[in-house]
Protein backbone atom coordinates (compact mmCIF):
# COMPACT_ATOMS: atom_id res chain seq x y z
CA MET A 1 17.01 142.17 -38.27
CA ILE A 2 14.07 144.46 -37.58
CA GLY A 3 13.53 144.89 -41.34
CA LEU A 4 13.41 141.11 -41.71
CA LEU A 5 10.85 140.87 -38.90
CA GLN A 6 8.75 143.62 -40.44
CA ARG A 7 8.78 141.91 -43.84
CA PHE A 8 7.88 138.63 -42.13
CA HIS A 9 5.18 140.51 -40.22
CA THR A 10 3.35 141.47 -43.44
CA GLN A 11 3.20 137.83 -44.57
CA LEU A 12 1.58 136.47 -41.40
CA PRO A 13 -2.09 135.62 -41.02
CA GLN A 14 -4.17 138.07 -39.05
CA TRP A 15 -4.48 135.87 -35.94
CA ALA A 16 -0.67 135.74 -35.61
CA ASP A 17 -0.38 139.50 -36.00
CA ARG A 18 -1.26 140.16 -32.37
CA TRP A 19 1.41 137.82 -31.07
CA LEU A 20 4.28 139.05 -33.20
CA ASP A 21 4.52 142.43 -31.47
CA SER A 22 4.75 140.69 -28.11
CA LEU A 23 7.36 138.28 -29.42
CA ILE A 24 9.46 141.14 -30.79
CA VAL A 25 9.41 142.90 -27.41
CA ALA A 26 10.22 139.63 -25.63
CA ALA A 27 13.16 139.04 -27.98
CA GLN A 28 14.42 142.58 -27.36
CA VAL A 29 14.18 142.12 -23.57
CA ALA A 30 16.01 138.79 -23.86
CA GLY A 31 18.70 140.49 -25.94
CA ILE A 32 19.07 143.22 -23.32
CA ALA A 33 19.38 140.59 -20.57
CA LEU A 34 22.01 138.73 -22.59
CA ALA A 35 23.95 141.94 -23.23
CA ALA A 36 23.85 142.82 -19.51
CA TRP A 37 25.05 139.34 -18.57
CA LEU A 38 27.91 139.55 -21.06
CA ALA A 39 28.86 143.02 -19.80
CA MET A 40 28.95 141.72 -16.23
CA ARG A 41 31.16 138.80 -17.28
CA LEU A 42 33.47 141.26 -19.05
CA VAL A 43 33.70 143.42 -15.93
CA ARG A 44 34.48 140.35 -13.84
CA ARG A 45 37.21 139.26 -16.22
CA LEU A 46 38.74 142.75 -16.40
CA THR A 47 38.76 143.25 -12.64
CA THR A 48 40.27 139.80 -12.13
CA ARG A 49 43.04 140.61 -14.61
CA LEU A 50 43.70 143.96 -12.92
CA ALA A 51 43.83 142.28 -9.52
CA LEU A 52 46.34 139.71 -10.76
CA ARG A 53 48.44 142.21 -12.68
CA TYR A 54 48.78 144.68 -9.80
CA ALA A 55 48.62 142.09 -6.98
CA LEU A 56 45.48 143.63 -5.50
CA PRO A 57 43.54 141.81 -2.81
CA ALA A 58 40.08 140.54 -3.67
CA GLN A 59 38.44 143.03 -1.29
CA VAL A 60 39.88 145.97 -3.25
CA VAL A 61 38.35 144.92 -6.57
CA GLY A 62 35.17 143.46 -5.06
CA LEU A 63 33.44 146.75 -4.28
CA PRO A 64 34.04 148.45 -7.66
CA ARG A 65 32.95 145.25 -9.41
CA ARG A 66 29.69 145.18 -7.45
CA VAL A 67 29.04 148.86 -8.11
CA VAL A 68 29.55 148.46 -11.86
CA ASN A 69 27.44 145.28 -11.91
CA CYS A 70 24.62 147.07 -10.08
CA ALA A 71 24.79 149.90 -12.61
CA ILE A 72 24.65 147.39 -15.49
CA VAL A 73 21.64 145.62 -13.94
CA ALA A 74 19.86 148.94 -13.31
CA ALA A 75 20.51 150.09 -16.87
CA GLY A 76 19.29 146.74 -18.22
CA ILE A 77 16.10 146.91 -16.17
CA LEU A 78 15.39 150.49 -17.22
CA TRP A 79 16.08 149.71 -20.87
CA SER A 80 13.87 146.61 -20.71
CA LEU A 81 11.06 148.57 -19.08
CA GLU A 82 11.38 151.20 -21.82
CA ARG A 83 11.06 148.51 -24.49
CA ILE A 84 7.95 147.13 -22.74
CA GLY A 85 6.43 150.59 -22.77
CA VAL A 86 6.98 151.91 -19.26
CA SER A 87 8.09 155.54 -19.16
CA GLY A 88 11.42 156.26 -17.52
CA SER A 89 9.99 159.30 -15.75
CA VAL A 90 7.26 157.14 -14.19
CA VAL A 91 9.86 154.65 -12.94
CA TRP A 92 12.04 157.47 -11.60
CA SER A 93 9.07 159.13 -9.85
CA ALA A 94 8.05 155.85 -8.23
CA PHE A 95 11.62 155.13 -7.14
CA THR A 96 12.17 158.55 -5.59
CA GLY A 97 8.78 158.34 -3.87
CA PHE A 98 9.62 154.97 -2.32
CA VAL A 99 13.07 156.19 -1.24
CA THR A 100 11.57 159.29 0.36
CA VAL A 101 8.95 157.29 2.28
CA GLY A 102 11.63 154.79 3.34
CA ALA A 103 13.92 157.55 4.58
CA VAL A 104 11.13 159.19 6.58
CA ALA A 105 10.13 155.84 8.09
CA PHE A 106 13.76 155.06 8.93
CA PHE A 107 14.28 158.37 10.72
CA ALA A 108 10.94 158.06 12.50
CA ALA A 109 11.88 154.62 13.83
CA TRP A 110 15.52 155.49 14.54
CA SER A 111 15.11 156.14 18.29
CA VAL A 112 13.04 152.99 18.79
CA LEU A 113 15.55 150.88 16.85
CA SER A 114 18.39 152.45 18.80
CA ASN A 115 16.74 151.52 22.09
CA LEU A 116 16.10 147.96 20.90
CA PHE A 117 19.74 147.55 19.90
CA CYS A 118 20.94 149.05 23.18
CA THR A 119 18.73 146.57 25.09
CA LEU A 120 20.52 143.77 23.32
CA LEU A 121 23.87 145.33 24.21
CA ILE A 122 22.88 145.72 27.87
CA TYR A 123 22.13 142.00 28.08
CA MET A 124 25.19 140.93 26.08
CA THR A 125 27.74 143.12 27.87
CA GLY A 126 26.24 142.65 31.33
CA ALA A 127 26.47 146.38 31.96
CA PHE A 128 23.97 145.94 34.82
CA ARG A 129 21.36 143.45 35.96
CA MET A 130 18.03 143.41 37.72
CA GLY A 131 18.49 144.39 41.35
CA ASP A 132 21.70 146.39 40.77
CA THR A 133 21.82 149.96 41.98
CA ILE A 134 23.11 152.19 39.20
CA GLU A 135 23.76 155.86 38.64
CA LEU A 136 24.03 157.61 35.31
CA LEU A 137 26.49 160.42 35.86
CA GLU A 138 25.94 163.78 34.22
CA THR A 139 28.80 166.27 34.21
CA GLY A 140 31.09 166.61 37.20
CA ASP A 141 28.97 169.15 39.12
CA LYS A 142 25.52 167.63 38.53
CA PRO A 143 24.13 164.51 40.18
CA GLY A 144 22.82 161.90 37.79
CA TYR A 145 19.92 159.49 37.73
CA LYS A 146 20.26 156.93 40.53
CA GLY A 147 18.13 153.97 41.48
CA ARG A 148 17.74 150.22 41.77
CA VAL A 149 16.99 148.39 38.51
CA VAL A 150 13.51 146.88 38.77
CA ASP A 151 12.77 146.25 35.08
CA ILE A 152 14.61 146.11 31.76
CA ASN A 153 12.30 145.98 28.74
CA LEU A 154 12.92 146.54 25.04
CA VAL A 155 12.78 150.34 25.21
CA TYR A 156 13.19 151.44 28.84
CA THR A 157 15.05 150.51 31.99
CA THR A 158 13.02 151.25 35.10
CA LEU A 159 14.84 152.48 38.20
CA GLN A 160 13.25 152.74 41.63
CA ASP A 161 14.48 155.67 43.69
CA VAL A 162 16.81 154.56 46.51
CA ASP A 163 16.69 157.75 48.59
CA GLU A 164 15.05 157.16 51.95
CA GLY A 165 13.30 160.54 51.95
CA ALA A 166 11.82 160.15 48.48
CA ALA A 167 8.36 158.79 47.84
CA ARG A 168 9.82 155.77 46.02
CA ALA A 169 9.53 157.39 42.64
CA VAL A 170 10.17 155.34 39.53
CA LEU A 171 12.37 156.53 36.65
CA GLN A 172 12.03 155.11 33.15
CA LEU A 173 15.21 155.79 31.19
CA PRO A 174 15.64 154.98 27.48
CA ASN A 175 18.15 152.18 27.04
CA SER A 176 20.20 154.21 24.57
CA LEU A 177 20.95 156.68 27.37
CA PHE A 178 23.15 154.09 29.12
CA PHE A 179 25.62 154.17 26.24
CA GLN A 180 25.87 157.97 26.16
CA ARG A 181 26.80 158.59 29.78
CA VAL A 182 29.13 157.23 32.43
CA LEU A 183 27.51 154.46 34.44
CA ARG A 184 28.25 153.74 38.10
CA ARG A 185 27.05 150.39 39.43
CA TRP A 186 26.65 148.81 42.88
CA ARG A 187 25.78 145.15 43.24
């Protein structure tokens, strides 16, 4: 087929010469997309036959099918990019760079996201409310944090000290702390 296109290429006028290279690459990319689609259909048909033959539930064959389909799509994209002229090492470098930055950002935001999720859980489970007196218990021999709940925001719960002798100090405890310790509550 390529030999036919090259022979046809020599017979074209000069103005059409510029477009033929682009059309050849576009046809190759379309062929790669068609091959990937056919491979994914084949995988679907094979996994469906295996599921019926061995009486497997759909959940058992669903995950391997998705993994293989993702690998086929990734291979098709990489192959298409190679045909367009993008280097595989450039794509791999960009991908690993983005993954590294994403992982660092995820770990940097982990504590904040944890506190946000725990705030949602505090409201949903009704673990305590505004005005309740609560105590977070440490180990058996240590007293914990104790106070009256005066504020619950997205990151912290604010407790006002309930001891008469104290100067009415305020404690701000991260919301994730309430799911790591035993909680005692007085209404």
